[in-house]
């Protein structure tokens, strides 16, 4: 829905207060008719005033309507005025309260401010005085709401103590990550898709000594191989067709900071060689360049594959694996941290409601039971998407089980089962594919192919003979 130009939305604590121009809804808690008339003359227009009567419960009043400002008299005859102040702040903590009183005592002013009042006005007050106080309170409210909105919109809280970790496995993971963040060593993060590898890599960076330097993410699976090298290392002008100007690579841009190589298992063997050089020599050259660029970055690598299996298959260089595997952390899947599911669900519910501008506060018991019993093969990402879809479908104030749409989980085999059920010839076939790939990439020059595979030419020659690989350009075929 498009709002008219003279309307704007002020976000506050999960509510949306629609204000027209400079108009705001103000609640006045004042028994003296004289002062009610005075406030009304000073503020109407442009504001709308509601006057509270002790015939109505204040809790009911505040639930029925959202107010931008509350004016509260601190010398009411029929009730404890500070008791009223405490209740108002409890029921509507984000609403600025302006206290008014005929008692001009410093102790009363100090107490009012300590109890949460934005301002204190002594009676009698002028029309200009109350208008200025209202204006300042509204500006303060808008500023605080905007700051809070931007913080919440960012949806990234990198403080370890605020990360949802209720299960023993996740608590231990956080303890380990805290230790890792205090070092400057290379880190390898493993875990299934959707377990939060990218997010927790960010937590490592933002809790390290490099926190004020860049944190750069590169998803190796999303960038074509032909572009990934330039993305990482940059290129010189004229390095290849279309290179019309020099480009600074991400490793150079991240100087002094951290670089996350997400899904590093998808990186080609040729690029793996270049990354090994970065880790060993702390330097690199741009594509098409000769100048050595020193690299002061911390590498955090993440993968949803088993590095050991990838090395055995020949798809990942063993020497690079050892360089990356200095500090290793494995993130538990969501089914291994079921104690976290309920708390994560409420977090994602709040996020989805803010994004979709809906007010849904809870889950039904049946919905929570669905979350608890499901295996969540897509982990946190699947949970977040499921809740977002449920928020879109839900029409009541809480998520019902019928709006939680889940697919049948794909049966996952353990590593032991995968090895047991795999064909006997699979490893040999994978090894042959890796050797052939390296030979093709190096134009069938065995010495270069051996370098790509991270083995000696002699070892490659042995594998070529064992696997029966031949090529017509070779002078002697086995």
Protein backbone atom coordinates (compact mmCIF):
# COMPACT_ATOMS: atom_id res chain seq x y z
CA UNK A 1 0.00 0.00 0.00
CA UNK A 2 1.39 3.40 -0.99
CA UNK A 3 0.96 6.09 1.65
CA UNK A 4 0.01 9.65 0.62
CA UNK A 5 2.93 12.06 0.48
CA UNK A 6 1.92 13.79 3.72
CA UNK A 7 2.13 10.55 5.69
CA UNK A 8 5.23 8.87 7.03
CA UNK A 9 5.87 5.86 9.19
CA UNK A 10 7.70 6.04 12.48
CA UNK A 11 8.83 2.56 13.60
CA UNK A 12 8.92 1.95 17.32
CA UNK A 13 9.45 -1.29 19.16
CA UNK A 14 7.59 -3.46 16.69
CA UNK A 15 4.68 -0.99 16.24
CA UNK A 16 4.00 1.26 13.30
CA UNK A 17 2.79 4.74 14.22
CA UNK A 18 1.42 6.61 11.23
CA UNK A 19 1.79 10.34 11.61
CA UNK A 20 0.35 12.91 9.23
CA UNK A 21 2.69 15.82 8.62
CA UNK A 22 3.65 17.13 12.06
CA UNK A 23 0.58 15.64 13.74
CA UNK A 24 1.01 13.12 16.54
CA UNK A 25 -1.29 11.30 18.92
CA UNK A 26 -0.65 12.52 22.47
CA UNK A 27 -2.09 11.06 25.66
CA UNK A 28 -2.59 13.55 28.51
CA UNK A 29 -2.82 12.18 32.05
CA UNK A 30 -4.01 15.24 33.96
CA UNK A 31 -6.91 15.69 36.37
CA UNK A 32 -7.00 19.47 36.50
CA UNK A 33 -9.43 20.80 33.91
CA UNK A 34 -7.55 24.11 33.86
CA UNK A 35 -4.35 22.49 32.67
CA UNK A 36 -6.16 20.23 30.24
CA UNK A 37 -7.61 23.31 28.55
CA UNK A 38 -4.20 25.00 28.56
CA UNK A 39 -2.50 21.98 26.95
CA UNK A 40 -5.29 21.63 24.40
CA UNK A 41 -4.97 25.29 23.32
CA UNK A 42 -1.18 24.90 23.02
CA UNK A 43 -1.12 21.65 21.04
CA UNK A 44 -4.38 21.40 19.04
CA UNK A 45 -3.86 21.74 16.17
CA UNK A 46 -1.63 20.17 14.82
CA UNK A 47 -1.72 17.29 17.34
CA UNK A 48 -4.55 15.00 18.45
CA UNK A 49 -5.03 14.77 22.21
CA UNK A 50 -6.64 12.00 24.25
CA UNK A 51 -7.30 12.76 27.90
CA UNK A 52 -7.12 9.84 30.30
CA UNK A 53 -9.82 9.38 32.86
CA UNK A 54 -9.38 7.19 35.93
CA UNK A 55 -12.63 5.52 34.94
CA UNK A 56 -10.62 3.59 32.34
CA UNK A 57 -7.73 1.22 32.99
CA UNK A 58 -4.51 2.77 31.67
CA UNK A 59 -3.37 -0.62 30.37
CA UNK A 60 -6.50 -0.94 28.23
CA UNK A 61 -6.03 2.60 26.89
CA UNK A 62 -2.41 1.97 25.86
CA UNK A 63 -3.27 -1.34 24.21
CA UNK A 64 -6.07 0.22 22.15
CA UNK A 65 -3.96 2.99 20.70
CA UNK A 66 -0.31 3.82 20.09
CA UNK A 67 0.77 7.26 21.32
CA UNK A 68 3.75 9.30 20.19
CA UNK A 69 3.99 11.28 23.48
CA UNK A 70 2.51 10.93 26.97
CA UNK A 71 2.05 14.01 29.18
CA UNK A 72 1.87 12.93 32.82
CA UNK A 73 1.07 15.12 35.82
CA UNK A 74 3.03 14.14 38.94
CA UNK A 75 0.66 15.53 41.56
CA UNK A 76 -2.51 13.56 41.00
CA UNK A 77 -4.78 13.46 44.04
CA UNK A 78 -6.45 10.09 43.51
CA UNK A 79 -3.46 7.89 42.74
CA UNK A 80 0.24 7.40 43.24
CA UNK A 81 1.66 9.43 40.36
CA UNK A 82 5.06 7.71 40.36
CA UNK A 83 3.25 4.37 40.41
CA UNK A 84 1.42 5.54 37.31
CA UNK A 85 4.73 6.59 35.71
CA UNK A 86 6.24 3.16 36.33
CA UNK A 87 3.19 1.44 34.85
CA UNK A 88 3.18 3.66 31.78
CA UNK A 89 6.88 2.98 31.14
CA UNK A 90 6.28 -0.74 31.59
CA UNK A 91 3.34 -0.83 29.18
CA UNK A 92 4.80 1.57 26.61
CA UNK A 93 8.58 1.65 27.14
CA UNK A 94 9.40 3.36 23.82
CA UNK A 95 7.02 6.30 24.26
CA UNK A 96 8.60 9.51 25.61
CA UNK A 97 6.95 10.73 28.81
CA UNK A 98 6.94 14.44 29.66
CA UNK A 99 6.25 15.07 33.34
CA UNK A 100 4.43 18.19 34.55
CA UNK A 101 4.16 19.37 38.12
CA UNK A 102 3.40 22.41 40.25
CA UNK A 103 6.11 21.26 42.64
CA UNK A 104 9.44 22.79 41.67
CA UNK A 105 11.82 20.67 43.73
CA UNK A 106 15.17 19.32 42.42
CA UNK A 107 14.62 15.98 44.14
CA UNK A 108 11.31 15.49 42.29
CA UNK A 109 12.90 16.40 38.94
CA UNK A 110 15.83 14.00 39.50
CA UNK A 111 13.47 11.20 40.50
CA UNK A 112 11.27 11.78 37.46
CA UNK A 113 14.24 11.62 35.09
CA UNK A 114 15.59 8.48 36.81
CA UNK A 115 12.19 6.84 36.38
CA UNK A 116 12.41 7.45 32.63
CA UNK A 117 10.84 10.85 31.91
CA UNK A 118 12.16 12.60 28.83
CA UNK A 119 11.49 16.09 30.21
CA UNK A 120 10.11 17.82 33.30
CA UNK A 121 8.02 21.00 32.98
CA UNK A 122 7.08 23.10 35.99
CA UNK A 123 3.63 24.67 36.07
CA UNK A 124 2.67 27.25 35.07
CA UNK A 125 4.26 26.80 31.66
CA UNK A 126 3.87 28.83 28.50
CA UNK A 127 2.42 27.66 25.20
CA UNK A 128 5.92 27.94 23.64
CA UNK A 129 7.48 25.87 26.42
CA UNK A 130 5.16 22.88 26.00
CA UNK A 131 5.38 23.07 22.21
CA UNK A 132 9.19 23.04 22.33
CA UNK A 133 9.23 20.09 24.72
CA UNK A 134 6.86 18.12 22.48
CA UNK A 135 8.96 18.94 19.41
CA UNK A 136 12.20 17.81 21.07
CA UNK A 137 10.56 14.62 22.35
CA UNK A 138 9.27 13.78 18.86
CA UNK A 139 12.67 14.43 17.29
CA UNK A 140 14.35 12.27 19.91
CA UNK A 141 11.80 9.53 19.36
CA UNK A 142 12.25 9.60 15.59
CA UNK A 143 16.04 9.51 15.94
CA UNK A 144 15.99 6.60 18.37
CA UNK A 145 13.50 4.71 16.22
CA UNK A 146 15.61 5.22 13.11
CA UNK A 147 18.75 4.01 14.86
CA UNK A 148 16.92 1.00 16.25
CA UNK A 149 15.35 0.29 12.84
CA UNK A 150 18.69 0.43 11.05
CA UNK A 151 20.28 -1.84 13.62
CA UNK A 152 17.48 -4.35 13.34
CA UNK A 153 17.32 -4.10 9.55
CA UNK A 154 20.97 -5.05 9.40
CA UNK A 155 20.01 -8.38 10.99
CA UNK A 156 23.63 -9.13 11.73
CA UNK A 157 24.62 -9.26 15.38
CA UNK A 158 28.23 -10.34 15.55
CA UNK A 159 28.51 -10.35 19.35
CA UNK A 160 29.22 -13.94 20.42
CA UNK A 161 27.14 -13.59 23.59
CA UNK A 162 24.05 -12.62 21.56
CA UNK A 163 24.25 -15.57 19.16
CA UNK A 164 21.50 -18.11 19.86
CA UNK A 165 23.33 -21.11 21.33
CA UNK A 166 21.18 -23.23 23.66
CA UNK A 167 22.50 -26.70 22.79
CA UNK A 168 25.76 -28.11 24.26
CA UNK A 169 27.25 -28.50 20.77
CA UNK A 170 26.55 -24.89 19.81
CA UNK A 171 27.74 -23.55 23.15
CA UNK A 172 31.05 -25.35 22.63
CA UNK A 173 31.22 -24.00 19.08
CA UNK A 174 30.91 -20.43 20.38
CA UNK A 175 33.63 -21.06 22.98
CA UNK A 176 35.94 -22.32 20.25
CA UNK A 177 35.15 -19.42 17.92
CA UNK A 178 35.93 -16.93 20.69
CA UNK A 179 39.38 -18.50 21.02
CA UNK A 180 39.92 -18.51 17.25
CA UNK A 181 38.93 -14.85 16.90
CA UNK A 182 41.76 -13.86 19.22
CA UNK A 183 44.37 -15.27 16.83
CA UNK A 184 45.49 -14.29 13.35
CA UNK A 185 45.75 -17.81 11.94
CA UNK A 186 43.94 -19.24 8.92
CA UNK A 187 40.63 -20.89 9.78
CA UNK A 188 38.70 -23.66 8.03
CA UNK A 189 34.95 -23.73 8.74
CA UNK A 190 33.01 -26.83 7.73
CA UNK A 191 29.34 -27.68 8.00
CA UNK A 192 26.25 -28.49 5.99
CA UNK A 193 24.60 -25.92 3.75
CA UNK A 194 22.62 -23.41 5.77
CA UNK A 195 24.36 -23.90 9.12
CA UNK A 196 25.63 -20.31 9.25
CA UNK A 197 29.25 -20.64 8.10
CA UNK A 198 29.28 -17.21 6.47
CA UNK A 199 27.67 -15.48 9.45
CA UNK A 200 29.99 -17.05 12.03
CA UNK A 201 32.99 -16.23 9.85
CA UNK A 202 31.86 -12.63 10.12
CA UNK A 203 31.67 -13.03 13.90
CA UNK A 204 35.29 -14.23 13.92
CA UNK A 205 36.38 -11.13 12.00
CA UNK A 206 34.36 -8.58 13.97
CA UNK A 207 35.65 -9.96 17.26
CA UNK A 208 39.28 -9.95 16.14
CA UNK A 209 42.02 -7.34 16.09
CA UNK A 210 41.13 -6.78 12.41
CA UNK A 211 37.54 -5.71 13.18
CA UNK A 212 38.04 -2.14 11.93
CA UNK A 213 39.42 -3.34 8.62
CA UNK A 214 37.44 -4.79 5.67
CA UNK A 215 35.62 -8.10 5.86
CA UNK A 216 35.21 -9.40 2.32
CA UNK A 217 33.10 -12.40 1.31
CA UNK A 218 33.69 -14.32 -1.89
CA UNK A 219 31.44 -17.25 -2.80
CA UNK A 220 33.57 -19.46 -5.02
CA UNK A 221 30.52 -21.40 -6.20
CA UNK A 222 28.66 -18.35 -7.50
CA UNK A 223 31.41 -16.87 -9.68
CA UNK A 224 32.39 -18.53 -12.97
CA UNK A 225 35.93 -19.91 -12.95
CA UNK A 226 36.93 -17.56 -15.77
CA UNK A 227 36.03 -14.56 -13.60
CA UNK A 228 36.99 -15.84 -10.15
CA UNK A 229 40.73 -15.40 -10.70
CA UNK A 230 40.25 -11.74 -11.63
CA UNK A 231 37.81 -11.28 -8.76
CA UNK A 232 40.37 -12.58 -6.27
CA UNK A 233 43.64 -11.21 -7.61
CA UNK A 234 42.56 -8.36 -9.87
CA UNK A 235 43.96 -7.76 -13.36
CA UNK A 236 46.05 -5.29 -15.30
CA UNK A 237 44.72 -3.35 -18.24
CA UNK A 238 44.95 -5.43 -21.40
CA UNK A 239 45.41 -8.70 -19.50
CA UNK A 240 42.64 -10.26 -21.57
CA UNK A 241 39.88 -9.27 -23.98
CA UNK A 242 37.61 -6.79 -22.29
CA UNK A 243 40.15 -5.74 -19.64
CA UNK A 244 39.93 -2.04 -20.48
CA UNK A 245 41.33 -0.86 -17.16
CA UNK A 246 43.25 -2.14 -14.17
CA UNK A 247 41.05 -3.82 -11.57
CA UNK A 248 41.90 -4.19 -7.89
CA UNK A 249 41.12 -7.71 -6.65
CA UNK A 250 39.31 -8.60 -3.44
CA UNK A 251 42.49 -9.84 -1.76
CA UNK A 252 44.02 -6.42 -2.35
CA UNK A 253 40.87 -4.58 -1.28
CA UNK A 254 40.82 -6.51 1.99
CA UNK A 255 44.26 -5.34 3.07
CA UNK A 256 44.55 -5.53 6.84
CA UNK A 257 41.22 -7.33 7.17
CA UNK A 258 39.75 -10.78 6.59
CA UNK A 259 38.67 -12.56 3.42
CA UNK A 260 36.08 -15.33 3.54
CA UNK A 261 36.45 -17.87 0.75
CA UNK A 262 33.01 -19.46 0.96
CA UNK A 263 32.54 -22.86 -0.69
CA UNK A 264 36.25 -23.11 -1.38
CA UNK A 265 35.71 -26.72 -2.38
CA UNK A 266 34.34 -25.40 -5.70
CA UNK A 267 37.59 -23.65 -6.58
CA UNK A 268 39.49 -25.11 -9.55
CA UNK A 269 42.85 -26.81 -9.04
CA UNK A 270 44.59 -24.04 -10.95
CA UNK A 271 43.25 -21.34 -8.61
CA UNK A 272 44.05 -23.53 -5.64
CA UNK A 273 47.71 -23.30 -6.67
CA UNK A 274 47.52 -19.50 -6.64
CA UNK A 275 45.80 -19.47 -3.25
CA UNK A 276 48.52 -21.74 -1.87
CA UNK A 277 51.04 -19.13 -2.96
CA UNK A 278 49.10 -16.41 -1.13
CA UNK A 279 49.12 -18.43 2.08
CA UNK A 280 52.77 -19.45 1.84
CA UNK A 281 54.36 -16.26 0.51
CA UNK A 282 51.82 -13.64 1.63
CA UNK A 283 51.94 -12.12 -1.85
CA UNK A 284 50.50 -12.44 -5.35
CA UNK A 285 50.41 -10.78 -8.80
CA UNK A 286 47.39 -9.44 -10.62
CA UNK A 287 46.32 -11.30 -13.74
CA UNK A 288 48.59 -10.09 -16.54
CA UNK A 289 50.84 -8.24 -14.10
CA UNK A 290 54.45 -8.64 -12.96
CA UNK A 291 54.46 -6.51 -9.82
CA UNK A 292 54.33 -8.44 -6.55
CA UNK A 293 51.57 -7.31 -4.22
CA UNK A 294 51.99 -8.13 -0.55
CA UNK A 295 48.91 -9.64 1.05
CA UNK A 296 48.01 -8.74 4.62
CA UNK A 297 44.72 -10.58 4.96
CA UNK A 298 43.42 -13.31 7.20
CA UNK A 299 41.93 -16.14 5.18
CA UNK A 300 38.79 -17.85 6.48
CA UNK A 301 37.78 -20.75 4.24
CA UNK A 302 34.36 -22.42 4.42
CA UNK A 303 32.98 -25.52 2.73
CA UNK A 304 29.98 -27.81 2.98
CA UNK A 305 32.06 -30.70 1.66
CA UNK A 306 34.40 -33.01 3.54
CA UNK A 307 37.91 -31.70 2.75
CA UNK A 308 39.41 -35.12 3.42
CA UNK A 309 37.13 -36.83 0.88
CA UNK A 310 37.80 -34.08 -1.67
CA UNK A 311 41.57 -34.57 -1.21
CA UNK A 312 41.18 -38.34 -1.63
CA UNK A 313 39.19 -37.73 -4.83
CA UNK A 314 41.91 -35.48 -6.19
CA UNK A 315 39.48 -32.54 -6.34
CA UNK A 316 41.31 -30.57 -3.65
CA UNK A 317 45.03 -30.09 -3.26
CA UNK A 318 46.47 -31.80 -0.23
CA UNK A 319 49.08 -29.09 0.39
CA UNK A 320 46.41 -26.35 0.31
CA UNK A 321 44.24 -28.40 2.67
CA UNK A 322 47.05 -28.53 5.24
CA UNK A 323 47.63 -24.78 4.87
CA UNK A 324 43.96 -24.06 5.49
CA UNK A 325 43.47 -26.61 8.23
CA UNK A 326 45.45 -24.72 10.88
CA UNK A 327 42.37 -23.95 12.96
CA UNK A 328 39.30 -26.07 12.21
CA UNK A 329 35.72 -25.66 13.37
CA UNK A 330 32.73 -27.77 12.36
CA UNK A 331 29.29 -26.19 12.72
CA UNK A 332 26.59 -28.56 13.99
CA UNK A 333 23.47 -29.05 11.89
CA UNK A 334 20.11 -27.80 13.19
CA UNK A 335 18.97 -31.36 13.95
CA UNK A 336 22.02 -31.63 16.22
CA UNK A 337 21.02 -28.50 18.14
CA UNK A 338 17.28 -28.94 18.62
CA UNK A 339 17.44 -26.91 21.84
CA UNK A 340 18.04 -23.84 19.66
CA UNK A 341 15.12 -24.33 17.26
CA UNK A 342 12.39 -22.61 19.31
CA UNK A 343 14.55 -19.54 20.03
CA UNK A 344 15.69 -19.32 16.41
CA UNK A 345 12.07 -19.60 15.27
CA UNK A 346 11.07 -16.54 17.31
CA UNK A 347 14.08 -14.63 15.97
CA UNK A 348 13.12 -15.41 12.36
CA UNK A 349 9.46 -14.61 13.13
CA UNK A 350 10.40 -11.13 14.33
CA UNK A 351 12.59 -10.58 11.29
CA UNK A 352 9.91 -11.74 8.83
CA UNK A 353 7.22 -9.62 10.48
CA UNK A 354 9.35 -6.51 10.24
CA UNK A 355 10.18 -7.14 6.59
CA UNK A 356 6.57 -7.96 5.67
CA UNK A 357 5.04 -5.31 7.99
CA UNK A 358 2.83 -7.82 9.80
CA UNK A 359 2.12 -8.17 13.52
CA UNK A 360 2.31 -11.84 14.48
CA UNK A 361 3.59 -12.44 17.99
CA UNK A 362 3.61 -16.18 18.59
CA UNK A 363 3.43 -19.77 17.37
CA UNK A 364 0.70 -22.22 18.28
CA UNK A 365 1.82 -25.24 20.37
CA UNK A 366 1.18 -27.44 17.34
CA UNK A 367 3.44 -25.27 15.19
CA UNK A 368 6.26 -25.48 17.73
CA UNK A 369 5.84 -29.25 17.81
CA UNK A 370 6.25 -29.38 14.01
CA UNK A 371 9.50 -27.43 14.31
CA UNK A 372 10.75 -29.77 17.03
CA UNK A 373 9.98 -33.01 15.19
CA UNK A 374 11.32 -32.04 11.74
CA UNK A 375 14.91 -32.87 10.75
CA UNK A 376 15.65 -29.56 8.91
CA UNK A 377 17.95 -30.80 6.13
CA UNK A 378 18.33 -27.18 4.94
CA UNK A 379 19.23 -26.05 8.48
CA UNK A 380 18.83 -22.39 9.51
CA UNK A 381 18.24 -21.21 5.96
CA UNK A 382 15.32 -23.61 5.56
CA UNK A 383 13.88 -22.63 8.95
CA UNK A 384 14.02 -18.93 8.05
CA UNK A 385 12.37 -19.49 4.66
CA UNK A 386 9.66 -21.69 6.17
CA UNK A 387 8.75 -19.06 8.76
CA UNK A 388 8.73 -16.26 6.18
CA UNK A 389 6.27 -18.26 4.05
CA UNK A 390 4.13 -18.96 7.13
CA UNK A 391 4.03 -15.23 8.00
CA UNK A 392 2.80 -14.45 4.48
CA UNK A 393 0.04 -17.08 4.73
CA UNK A 394 -1.03 -16.44 8.35
CA UNK A 395 -4.04 -14.21 9.03
CA UNK A 396 -4.23 -14.53 12.83
CA UNK A 397 -1.96 -13.18 15.56
CA UNK A 398 0.08 -16.37 15.79
CA UNK A 399 1.46 -18.94 13.36
CA UNK A 400 -0.71 -22.04 13.01
CA UNK A 401 0.63 -25.49 12.08
CA UNK A 402 -1.33 -25.63 8.81
CA UNK A 403 0.69 -22.69 7.47
CA UNK A 404 4.01 -24.42 8.04
CA UNK A 405 4.79 -26.08 4.72
CA UNK A 406 7.67 -28.56 4.79
CA UNK A 407 9.01 -30.91 2.17
CA UNK A 408 9.82 -34.51 2.92
CA UNK A 409 13.46 -34.57 4.06
CA UNK A 410 15.91 -36.28 1.74
CA UNK A 411 17.52 -39.20 3.51
CA UNK A 412 21.11 -38.37 4.30
CA UNK A 413 23.79 -41.01 4.51
CA UNK A 414 26.57 -40.77 7.03
CA UNK A 415 30.14 -40.71 5.74
CA UNK A 416 30.49 -44.37 6.82
CA UNK A 417 27.29 -45.34 4.96
CA UNK A 418 28.37 -43.43 1.87
CA UNK A 419 31.69 -45.26 1.78
CA UNK A 420 29.98 -48.62 2.43
CA UNK A 421 27.37 -48.13 -0.28
CA UNK A 422 29.71 -46.57 -2.86
CA UNK A 423 30.78 -48.74 -5.82
CA UNK A 424 34.18 -50.32 -5.36
CA UNK A 425 35.47 -48.61 -8.50
CA UNK A 426 34.24 -45.11 -7.52
CA UNK A 427 37.50 -43.85 -5.98
CA UNK A 428 39.51 -45.06 -8.93
CA UNK A 429 37.04 -43.40 -11.29
CA UNK A 430 37.22 -40.15 -9.35
CA UNK A 431 41.00 -40.30 -9.36
CA UNK A 432 41.01 -40.85 -13.12
CA UNK A 433 38.66 -37.87 -13.63
CA UNK A 434 40.91 -35.63 -11.50
CA UNK A 435 44.04 -36.67 -13.42
CA UNK A 436 42.35 -36.20 -16.79
CA UNK A 437 41.05 -32.78 -15.73
CA UNK A 438 44.54 -31.66 -14.68
CA UNK A 439 46.08 -32.96 -17.91
CA UNK A 440 43.51 -31.21 -20.05
CA UNK A 441 43.96 -27.95 -18.15
CA UNK A 442 47.74 -28.13 -18.63
CA UNK A 443 47.42 -29.08 -22.35
CA UNK A 444 48.65 -32.60 -21.57
CA UNK A 445 52.01 -31.45 -20.21
CA UNK A 446 52.55 -33.92 -17.38
CA UNK A 447 54.91 -31.70 -15.37
CA UNK A 448 52.34 -28.89 -15.26
CA UNK A 449 49.53 -31.33 -14.50
CA UNK A 450 51.52 -32.73 -11.58
CA UNK A 451 51.86 -29.21 -10.22
CA UNK A 452 48.10 -28.68 -10.45
CA UNK A 453 47.49 -31.94 -8.59
CA UNK A 454 50.10 -31.16 -5.95
CA UNK A 455 52.09 -34.33 -6.60
CA UNK A 456 55.47 -35.07 -8.14
CA UNK A 457 55.83 -35.76 -11.91
CA UNK A 458 57.00 -39.25 -11.00
CA UNK A 459 53.85 -39.92 -8.98
CA UNK A 460 51.71 -38.61 -11.84
CA UNK A 461 53.53 -40.82 -14.34
CA UNK A 462 52.74 -43.79 -12.10
CA UNK A 463 49.05 -42.86 -11.97
CA UNK A 464 48.92 -42.34 -15.75
CA UNK A 465 50.26 -45.85 -16.29
CA UNK A 466 48.03 -47.37 -13.61
CA UNK A 467 44.90 -45.73 -15.01
CA UNK A 468 45.79 -46.47 -18.64
CA UNK A 469 45.65 -42.85 -19.78
CA UNK A 470 47.14 -42.10 -23.20
CA UNK A 471 47.33 -39.15 -25.57
CA UNK A 472 48.32 -39.09 -29.26
CA UNK A 473 50.75 -36.18 -28.76
CA UNK A 474 52.84 -38.11 -26.29
CA UNK A 475 55.91 -39.66 -27.89
CA UNK A 476 55.58 -42.81 -25.87
CA UNK A 477 52.27 -44.15 -24.66
CA UNK A 478 51.92 -46.82 -22.02
